[in-house]
Amino acid sequence: MRKVLCAIALAIPVVVFTQVPADSVSPRAKQLHDRAIVVDSHDDTTQRLIFDNAFDIGKRNPNGNIDIPRMREGGLDALFFSIWVPSEVTGPTAVKRALDQIDAVREAVRTHPHDLMLATTAADVRKAAADHKIAALMGMEGGHMIDDDLRLLRVYAALGVRYMTLTHYKNNNWADSSTDKAAHNGLTAFGKDVVREMNRLGVMVDISHVADKTFFDAIETTKAPMIASHSSSRVIANHARNMTDDMMRALARNGGVVMISYHAAFLSEEFRVASEKKNGNVVAAIDAMSKKCGGNEACTTMEGERIDHEAMMKGDLPKVTWEKIIEHIDHAVKTAGVDHVGLGSDFDGATMPLGMEDASKLPKITDALLKKGYSEADIEKILGGNILRVMEAVERLKGA
């Protein structure tokens, strides 16, 4: 999503959120949450690994959403680190930056061997959980990073990337984005070749960020289940990045899964409208923030999140609380079925709702779903079982 982190060298104030008092979590919810394999399919902490020299993922940090202590506290067992380069950065520069990020994730695992384990399969995730480690996975956010070359897609897959979002905020040369003017009427012939090659490589096709026509072109082309790594319901919040009910149902027929994003503008229509009115075009706002940060991509989210949270607390923007996540989960379950819904927070890459300031708050989701009457088995599916099932299905089709 929007990438906005904070560069220490730019003298941007350290973000310390006023903590919303934690809701009590029942013993039953805690036991269930601890027993489940909790998977988050989209996180932007990679940008901090690259750009924030003061950040140590192994220590509790006063800002941001993710580090090992808070993942442990929140029972987060597996995390897809996003490999992300802005849409306007293309060619060899984008490739180099992508490779730098892949290396940064792998180095984080190497330097924290007691806590992190590199995972490339569902079996790896299960082994990490059994060994009381956090599985570190990678997803590539934006197809422009393959530089229109299937050989690079194969390189990324060999290095451990296990999904690729076909577009980001802008179109690339072979696919239309949901937040850009249509240029290809969905996927080009080469774009369909990309989908087929991802199937062959065992890399999940991610349709978050893509235009609706791109989504339907991809679903007609793929032989494997697809994912929406961080999207919510367009019926509740009418953002082009969210999924319509028809898209959710189509993804369910495909055997895929929609991973609910926690970004405030994807959760709340009231917040989305007010935020767009306040900030104008989101792409232009991101570009302006990036320029302010001197092109340092570790500048833009934490500063943006700080501004948005302050605006919510002052009443300049509508308050969005963590319960909206539950509303989106519930709607997706009713629309697509409980086998096709999961969690894709966009931690460290978006404005979190009040009460979900970081990964330590995740047990509240389990507690809320229990209170709504969800069975323990269904909650385990939502927390991680469904995305692991999709990973296994994609792995079985590898090489076909």
Protein backbone atom coordinates (compact mmCIF):
# COMPACT_ATOMS: atom_id res chain seq x y z
CA MET A 1 0.00 0.00 0.00
CA ARG A 2 1.23 3.46 0.79
CA LYS A 3 4.82 3.20 1.90
CA VAL A 4 5.63 5.69 4.54
CA LEU A 5 8.46 5.12 7.02
CA CYS A 6 10.63 7.51 8.95
CA ALA A 7 14.23 8.37 8.24
CA ILE A 8 16.14 9.23 11.37
CA ALA A 9 18.56 11.38 9.42
CA LEU A 10 15.70 13.61 8.30
CA ALA A 11 14.96 14.62 11.88
CA ILE A 12 11.38 13.43 11.65
CA PRO A 13 9.98 13.05 15.15
CA VAL A 14 9.95 9.56 16.63
CA VAL A 15 6.43 8.19 16.52
CA VAL A 16 5.11 7.11 19.89
CA PHE A 17 1.37 6.41 19.73
CA THR A 18 -0.94 7.05 22.62
CA GLN A 19 -1.89 3.48 23.39
CA VAL A 20 -5.55 2.58 23.41
CA PRO A 21 -6.20 0.50 26.54
CA ALA A 22 -5.97 -3.16 25.56
CA ASP A 23 -9.30 -4.99 25.57
CA SER A 24 -9.27 -8.02 27.80
CA VAL A 25 -8.69 -11.27 25.96
CA SER A 26 -10.39 -14.33 27.40
CA PRO A 27 -8.32 -17.34 28.48
CA ARG A 28 -10.09 -19.38 25.79
CA ALA A 29 -9.11 -16.85 23.11
CA LYS A 30 -5.52 -16.77 24.31
CA GLN A 31 -5.27 -20.56 24.25
CA LEU A 32 -6.80 -20.71 20.76
CA HIS A 33 -4.55 -17.95 19.46
CA ASP A 34 -1.47 -19.66 20.88
CA ARG A 35 -2.51 -22.99 19.35
CA ALA A 36 -3.24 -21.59 15.89
CA ILE A 37 -0.59 -20.81 13.27
CA VAL A 38 -1.09 -17.08 12.78
CA VAL A 39 0.03 -15.83 9.37
CA ASP A 40 0.18 -12.22 8.12
CA SER A 41 0.46 -12.06 4.34
CA HIS A 42 1.65 -8.47 3.96
CA ASP A 43 4.05 -6.32 5.94
CA ASP A 44 6.39 -3.46 4.98
CA THR A 45 9.02 -3.73 7.69
CA THR A 46 11.52 -4.52 4.93
CA GLN A 47 11.74 -0.78 4.27
CA ARG A 48 12.93 -0.26 7.84
CA LEU A 49 15.54 -2.99 7.43
CA ILE A 50 16.91 -1.06 4.44
CA PHE A 51 16.53 2.61 5.36
CA ASP A 52 16.28 2.98 9.15
CA ASN A 53 19.71 2.54 10.70
CA ALA A 54 18.25 2.86 14.19
CA PHE A 55 15.86 -0.09 13.67
CA ASP A 56 16.68 -3.49 15.14
CA ILE A 57 13.99 -6.08 14.45
CA GLY A 58 15.26 -8.08 17.42
CA LYS A 59 14.46 -5.36 19.95
CA ARG A 60 11.21 -3.72 21.04
CA ASN A 61 10.95 -0.43 19.20
CA PRO A 62 9.03 2.66 20.37
CA ASN A 63 7.60 3.19 16.89
CA GLY A 64 6.30 1.17 13.96
CA ASN A 65 4.23 -2.00 14.15
CA ILE A 66 6.62 -4.94 13.90
CA ASP A 67 9.59 -6.36 15.76
CA ILE A 68 10.34 -9.76 17.23
CA PRO A 69 9.26 -8.96 20.82
CA ARG A 70 5.88 -7.63 19.68
CA MET A 71 5.39 -10.49 17.21
CA ARG A 72 6.07 -12.91 20.05
CA GLU A 73 3.66 -11.05 22.33
CA GLY A 74 0.94 -11.10 19.66
CA GLY A 75 1.45 -14.74 18.73
CA LEU A 76 2.39 -13.96 15.12
CA ASP A 77 3.93 -17.13 13.70
CA ALA A 78 4.61 -16.20 10.07
CA LEU A 79 5.07 -12.93 8.23
CA PHE A 80 5.39 -12.14 4.53
CA PHE A 81 7.94 -9.32 4.24
CA SER A 82 7.05 -7.14 1.27
CA ILE A 83 9.67 -6.57 -1.40
CA TRP A 84 8.49 -3.17 -2.65
CA VAL A 85 9.83 -0.51 -4.99
CA PRO A 86 7.70 2.50 -6.04
CA SER A 87 5.93 2.10 -9.38
CA GLU A 88 7.84 4.99 -10.94
CA VAL A 89 11.17 3.27 -10.20
CA THR A 90 11.71 0.85 -13.07
CA GLY A 91 14.40 -0.97 -15.03
CA PRO A 92 17.76 -1.99 -13.51
CA THR A 93 17.30 0.40 -10.58
CA ALA A 94 14.10 -1.36 -9.52
CA VAL A 95 15.75 -4.75 -9.90
CA LYS A 96 18.73 -3.75 -7.76
CA ARG A 97 16.49 -2.33 -5.04
CA ALA A 98 14.39 -5.49 -5.05
CA LEU A 99 17.49 -7.66 -4.69
CA ASP A 100 18.74 -5.43 -1.86
CA GLN A 101 15.48 -5.99 0.01
CA ILE A 102 15.54 -9.74 -0.51
CA ASP A 103 19.06 -9.75 0.87
CA ALA A 104 17.96 -7.62 3.85
CA VAL A 105 15.23 -10.12 4.79
CA ARG A 106 17.61 -13.03 4.46
CA GLU A 107 20.19 -11.18 6.57
CA ALA A 108 17.58 -10.50 9.27
CA VAL A 109 16.98 -14.24 9.44
CA ARG A 110 20.71 -15.01 9.47
CA THR A 111 21.39 -12.58 12.31
CA HIS A 112 18.40 -13.69 14.42
CA PRO A 113 18.58 -17.50 14.07
CA HIS A 114 16.92 -18.20 17.42
CA ASP A 115 13.80 -16.24 16.50
CA LEU A 116 13.43 -16.22 12.70
CA MET A 117 13.44 -18.94 10.07
CA LEU A 118 13.37 -18.39 6.32
CA ALA A 119 10.30 -20.13 4.92
CA THR A 120 9.41 -20.85 1.30
CA THR A 121 6.73 -23.53 1.74
CA ALA A 122 3.75 -24.22 3.95
CA ALA A 123 5.73 -27.09 5.49
CA ASP A 124 8.47 -24.61 6.42
CA VAL A 125 5.89 -22.43 8.17
CA ARG A 126 4.59 -25.39 10.14
CA LYS A 127 8.13 -26.44 11.08
CA ALA A 128 8.99 -22.92 12.23
CA ALA A 129 5.90 -22.89 14.44
CA ALA A 130 6.80 -26.30 15.87
CA ASP A 131 10.31 -25.02 16.59
CA HIS A 132 8.91 -21.87 18.25
CA LYS A 133 10.37 -19.62 15.58
CA ILE A 134 8.73 -16.97 13.41
CA ALA A 135 8.61 -17.90 9.73
CA ALA A 136 9.96 -15.13 7.50
CA LEU A 137 8.49 -15.27 3.99
CA MET A 138 8.71 -12.84 1.09
CA GLY A 139 6.15 -11.40 -1.30
CA MET A 140 7.01 -9.06 -4.17
CA GLU A 141 4.71 -6.02 -4.34
CA GLY A 142 4.66 -4.83 -7.94
CA GLY A 143 5.27 -6.72 -11.17
CA HIS A 144 7.36 -3.88 -12.58
CA MET A 145 10.30 -5.31 -10.62
CA ILE A 146 10.65 -8.19 -13.08
CA ASP A 147 11.56 -5.57 -15.73
CA ASP A 148 9.39 -7.36 -18.32
CA ASP A 149 11.68 -10.39 -18.13
CA LEU A 150 10.47 -13.83 -17.07
CA ARG A 151 14.06 -14.79 -16.27
CA LEU A 152 14.04 -12.27 -13.42
CA LEU A 153 10.80 -13.77 -12.13
CA ARG A 154 12.61 -17.10 -11.99
CA VAL A 155 15.53 -15.50 -10.12
CA TYR A 156 13.23 -13.97 -7.52
CA ALA A 157 11.46 -17.30 -7.05
CA ALA A 158 14.80 -19.06 -6.55
CA LEU A 159 15.70 -16.49 -3.88
CA GLY A 160 12.53 -17.28 -1.93
CA VAL A 161 9.81 -14.91 -3.19
CA ARG A 162 6.50 -16.76 -2.86
CA TYR A 163 3.96 -14.31 -4.22
CA MET A 164 3.98 -11.36 -6.57
CA THR A 165 1.43 -8.56 -6.70
CA LEU A 166 0.86 -8.02 -10.41
CA THR A 167 0.85 -4.21 -10.11
CA HIS A 168 1.31 -1.52 -7.49
CA TYR A 169 -0.24 1.96 -7.52
CA LYS A 170 0.53 2.57 -11.19
CA ASN A 171 0.20 0.45 -14.32
CA ASN A 172 3.22 -1.46 -15.54
CA ASN A 173 3.88 -2.45 -19.15
CA TRP A 174 1.62 -5.49 -19.02
CA ALA A 175 -1.07 -4.95 -16.38
CA ASP A 176 -3.49 -2.23 -15.26
CA SER A 177 -3.56 -1.01 -11.67
CA SER A 178 -6.69 -0.17 -9.69
CA THR A 179 -5.37 3.33 -8.97
CA ASP A 180 -4.26 4.35 -12.47
CA LYS A 181 -6.00 5.07 -15.77
CA ALA A 182 -6.50 1.85 -17.74
CA ALA A 183 -3.90 1.36 -20.47
CA HIS A 184 -4.10 -2.36 -21.35
CA ASN A 185 -7.72 -3.35 -20.69
CA GLY A 186 -6.47 -5.65 -17.94
CA LEU A 187 -3.62 -8.05 -18.71
CA THR A 188 -1.65 -8.04 -21.96
CA ALA A 189 -0.60 -11.29 -23.65
CA PHE A 190 2.74 -11.01 -21.83
CA GLY A 191 0.89 -10.38 -18.57
CA LYS A 192 -0.92 -13.68 -19.02
CA ASP A 193 2.44 -15.35 -19.65
CA VAL A 194 3.61 -13.91 -16.31
CA VAL A 195 0.65 -15.54 -14.55
CA ARG A 196 1.33 -18.88 -16.24
CA GLU A 197 5.03 -18.72 -15.30
CA MET A 198 4.14 -17.90 -11.70
CA ASN A 199 1.95 -21.02 -11.66
CA ARG A 200 4.84 -23.08 -13.01
CA LEU A 201 7.25 -21.67 -10.42
CA GLY A 202 4.92 -22.16 -7.47
CA VAL A 203 4.66 -18.39 -6.87
CA MET A 204 1.23 -17.21 -5.75
CA VAL A 205 -0.53 -14.68 -7.97
CA ASP A 206 -1.50 -11.68 -5.84
CA ILE A 207 -4.29 -9.45 -7.14
CA SER A 208 -4.22 -6.72 -4.49
CA HIS A 209 -3.64 -3.39 -6.29
CA VAL A 210 -4.83 -4.60 -9.70
CA ALA A 211 -7.69 -3.14 -11.75
CA ASP A 212 -10.91 -5.13 -11.75
CA LYS A 213 -10.37 -6.20 -15.38
CA THR A 214 -6.84 -7.33 -14.52
CA PHE A 215 -8.30 -9.42 -11.71
CA PHE A 216 -10.75 -11.20 -13.97
CA ASP A 217 -8.11 -11.71 -16.69
CA ALA A 218 -5.80 -13.25 -14.10
CA ILE A 219 -8.47 -15.53 -12.69
CA GLU A 220 -9.29 -16.78 -16.18
CA THR A 221 -5.60 -17.45 -16.87
CA THR A 222 -4.34 -19.04 -13.66
CA LYS A 223 -4.44 -22.74 -12.96
CA ALA A 224 -3.66 -22.19 -9.29
CA PRO A 225 -5.54 -20.45 -6.48
CA MET A 226 -4.78 -16.72 -6.19
CA ILE A 227 -4.59 -14.40 -3.20
CA ALA A 228 -5.41 -10.82 -2.40
CA SER A 229 -2.54 -10.24 0.02
CA HIS A 230 -3.91 -7.05 1.58
CA SER A 231 -7.40 -5.98 0.47
CA SER A 232 -10.69 -5.48 2.26
CA SER A 233 -14.36 -5.10 1.27
CA ARG A 234 -15.42 -2.44 -1.23
CA VAL A 235 -19.02 -2.72 -0.02
CA ILE A 236 -17.93 -1.35 3.37
CA ALA A 237 -15.20 1.06 2.19
CA ASN A 238 -15.51 2.08 -1.45
CA HIS A 239 -11.81 2.17 -2.26
CA ALA A 240 -10.62 0.85 -5.64
CA ARG A 241 -8.01 -1.19 -3.73
CA ASN A 242 -10.74 -3.18 -2.03
CA MET A 243 -12.59 -6.14 -3.52
CA THR A 244 -16.18 -6.18 -4.71
CA ASP A 245 -18.43 -9.00 -3.56
CA ASP A 246 -18.33 -10.45 -7.10
CA MET A 247 -14.53 -10.51 -6.94
CA MET A 248 -14.59 -12.21 -3.55
CA ARG A 249 -16.98 -14.87 -4.83
CA ALA A 250 -14.84 -15.41 -7.93
CA LEU A 251 -11.74 -15.76 -5.76
CA ALA A 252 -13.58 -18.34 -3.64
CA ARG A 253 -14.51 -20.35 -6.75
CA ASN A 254 -10.83 -20.20 -7.69
CA GLY A 255 -9.95 -21.67 -4.29
CA GLY A 256 -8.10 -18.53 -3.27
CA VAL A 257 -8.19 -16.28 -0.24
CA VAL A 258 -8.72 -12.58 0.49
CA MET A 259 -6.42 -11.34 3.24
CA ILE A 260 -8.06 -8.45 5.08
CA SER A 261 -5.98 -5.26 5.29
CA TYR A 262 -6.01 -3.10 8.42
CA HIS A 263 -5.38 0.22 6.63
CA ALA A 264 -7.84 2.78 7.98
CA ALA A 265 -8.86 4.04 4.50
CA PHE A 266 -9.65 0.46 3.43
CA LEU A 267 -11.67 -0.19 6.59
CA SER A 268 -13.79 2.95 6.89
CA GLU A 269 -15.63 4.76 4.11
CA GLU A 270 -16.01 7.80 6.36
CA PHE A 271 -12.24 7.90 6.93
CA ARG A 272 -11.49 7.29 3.24
CA VAL A 273 -13.66 10.19 2.09
CA ALA A 274 -12.36 12.56 4.77
CA SER A 275 -8.75 11.55 4.18
CA GLU A 276 -8.98 12.04 0.41
CA LYS A 277 -10.63 15.40 0.94
CA LYS A 278 -7.91 16.39 3.40
CA ASN A 279 -4.92 14.99 1.51
CA GLY A 280 -6.08 15.01 -2.11
CA ASN A 281 -5.01 12.35 -4.60
CA VAL A 282 -3.27 9.59 -2.66
CA VAL A 283 -0.64 8.90 -5.32
CA ALA A 284 0.22 12.60 -5.55
CA ALA A 285 0.34 12.80 -1.75
CA ILE A 286 2.74 9.86 -1.59
CA ASP A 287 4.93 11.42 -4.29
CA ALA A 288 5.00 14.70 -2.37
CA MET A 289 5.93 12.94 0.87
CA SER A 290 8.66 10.99 -0.92
CA LYS A 291 10.14 14.21 -2.28
CA LYS A 292 9.99 15.76 1.19
CA CYS A 293 11.94 12.75 2.44
CA GLY A 294 14.59 13.11 -0.22
CA GLY A 295 13.52 9.90 -1.95
CA ASN A 296 14.20 7.89 1.20
CA GLU A 297 11.44 5.29 1.20
CA ALA A 298 11.92 4.80 4.92
CA CYS A 299 10.44 8.26 5.33
CA THR A 300 6.92 8.19 4.18
CA THR A 301 4.68 5.60 6.27
CA MET A 302 5.53 6.25 9.85
CA GLU A 303 5.34 9.98 9.24
CA GLY A 304 2.06 9.52 7.37
CA GLU A 305 0.71 7.24 10.08
CA ARG A 306 1.75 9.71 12.76
CA ILE A 307 -0.05 12.53 10.96
CA ASP A 308 -3.20 10.42 10.45
CA HIS A 309 -3.28 9.23 14.07
CA GLU A 310 -2.85 12.76 15.36
CA ALA A 311 -5.67 13.89 13.05
CA MET A 312 -7.92 11.11 14.39
CA MET A 313 -7.17 12.01 18.00
CA LYS A 314 -7.81 15.71 17.32
CA GLY A 315 -11.03 14.99 15.45
CA ASP A 316 -9.65 16.26 12.14
CA LEU A 317 -10.23 12.78 10.70
CA PRO A 318 -12.89 10.26 11.74
CA LYS A 319 -11.68 7.76 14.31
CA VAL A 320 -11.28 4.23 12.99
CA THR A 321 -11.01 1.51 15.62
CA TRP A 322 -9.74 -2.05 15.31
CA GLU A 323 -13.27 -3.48 15.42
CA LYS A 324 -13.64 -2.49 11.75
CA ILE A 325 -11.23 -5.33 10.94
CA ILE A 326 -13.77 -7.75 12.40
CA GLU A 327 -16.55 -6.18 10.32
CA HIS A 328 -14.56 -6.75 7.13
CA ILE A 329 -13.64 -10.31 8.11
CA ASP A 330 -17.28 -11.08 8.86
CA HIS A 331 -18.48 -9.62 5.55
CA ALA A 332 -15.84 -11.54 3.60
CA VAL A 333 -16.79 -14.78 5.36
CA LYS A 334 -20.47 -14.24 4.54
CA THR A 335 -19.60 -13.42 0.93
CA ALA A 336 -16.78 -15.79 0.02
CA GLY A 337 -17.02 -18.42 2.76
CA VAL A 338 -14.89 -19.05 5.81
CA ASP A 339 -12.35 -21.07 3.79
CA HIS A 340 -11.38 -18.00 1.76
CA VAL A 341 -10.54 -15.28 4.31
CA GLY A 342 -7.29 -14.42 6.11
CA LEU A 343 -5.18 -11.59 7.54
CA GLY A 344 -2.94 -9.22 5.55
CA SER A 345 -2.32 -6.30 7.89
CA ASP A 346 -0.04 -3.95 5.89
CA PHE A 347 1.83 -3.33 9.14
CA ASP A 348 4.59 -0.73 8.77
CA GLY A 349 3.06 0.36 5.47
CA ALA A 350 -0.27 1.99 6.32
CA THR A 351 -2.36 3.81 8.90
CA MET A 352 -3.42 1.28 11.52
CA PRO A 353 -6.80 1.64 13.26
CA LEU A 354 -6.87 2.66 16.89
CA GLY A 355 -6.35 -0.38 19.09
CA MET A 356 -4.31 -2.29 16.49
CA GLU A 357 -1.16 -0.21 16.80
CA ASP A 358 1.18 -3.17 16.43
CA ALA A 359 1.42 -6.95 16.20
CA SER A 360 1.05 -7.40 19.96
CA LYS A 361 -2.67 -6.59 19.60
CA LEU A 362 -3.49 -9.54 17.32
CA PRO A 363 -5.10 -11.78 20.00
CA LYS A 364 -7.95 -9.26 20.12
CA ILE A 365 -9.03 -10.50 16.67
CA THR A 366 -9.31 -14.07 17.95
CA ASP A 367 -11.24 -12.94 21.01
CA ALA A 368 -13.66 -10.85 18.93
CA LEU A 369 -14.35 -13.70 16.49
CA LEU A 370 -15.08 -16.06 19.37
CA LYS A 371 -17.50 -13.51 20.81
CA LYS A 372 -19.25 -13.33 17.42
CA GLY A 373 -19.85 -17.06 17.57
CA TYR A 374 -17.18 -18.31 15.19
CA SER A 375 -16.04 -21.86 15.88
CA GLU A 376 -12.46 -22.46 16.96
CA ALA A 377 -11.80 -24.46 13.78
CA ASP A 378 -13.03 -21.60 11.58
CA ILE A 379 -10.97 -19.03 13.50
CA GLU A 380 -7.85 -21.15 12.98
CA LYS A 381 -8.58 -21.08 9.23
CA ILE A 382 -8.84 -17.28 9.22
CA LEU A 383 -5.75 -16.79 11.36
CA GLY A 384 -3.54 -18.81 9.03
CA GLY A 385 -4.98 -22.12 7.92
CA ASN A 386 -6.51 -20.76 4.74
CA ILE A 387 -3.34 -19.14 3.38
CA LEU A 388 -1.36 -22.29 4.23
CA ARG A 389 -3.92 -24.32 2.26
CA VAL A 390 -3.48 -22.02 -0.74
CA MET A 391 0.31 -22.25 -0.48
CA GLU A 392 0.07 -26.03 -0.50
CA ALA A 393 -2.26 -26.01 -3.52
CA VAL A 394 0.12 -23.71 -5.44
CA GLU A 395 3.09 -25.89 -4.47
CA ARG A 396 1.35 -29.02 -5.79
CA LEU A 397 0.94 -27.39 -9.21
CA LYS A 398 4.58 -26.29 -9.36
CA GLY A 399 6.26 -27.47 -12.55
CA ALA A 400 2.98 -28.30 -14.28
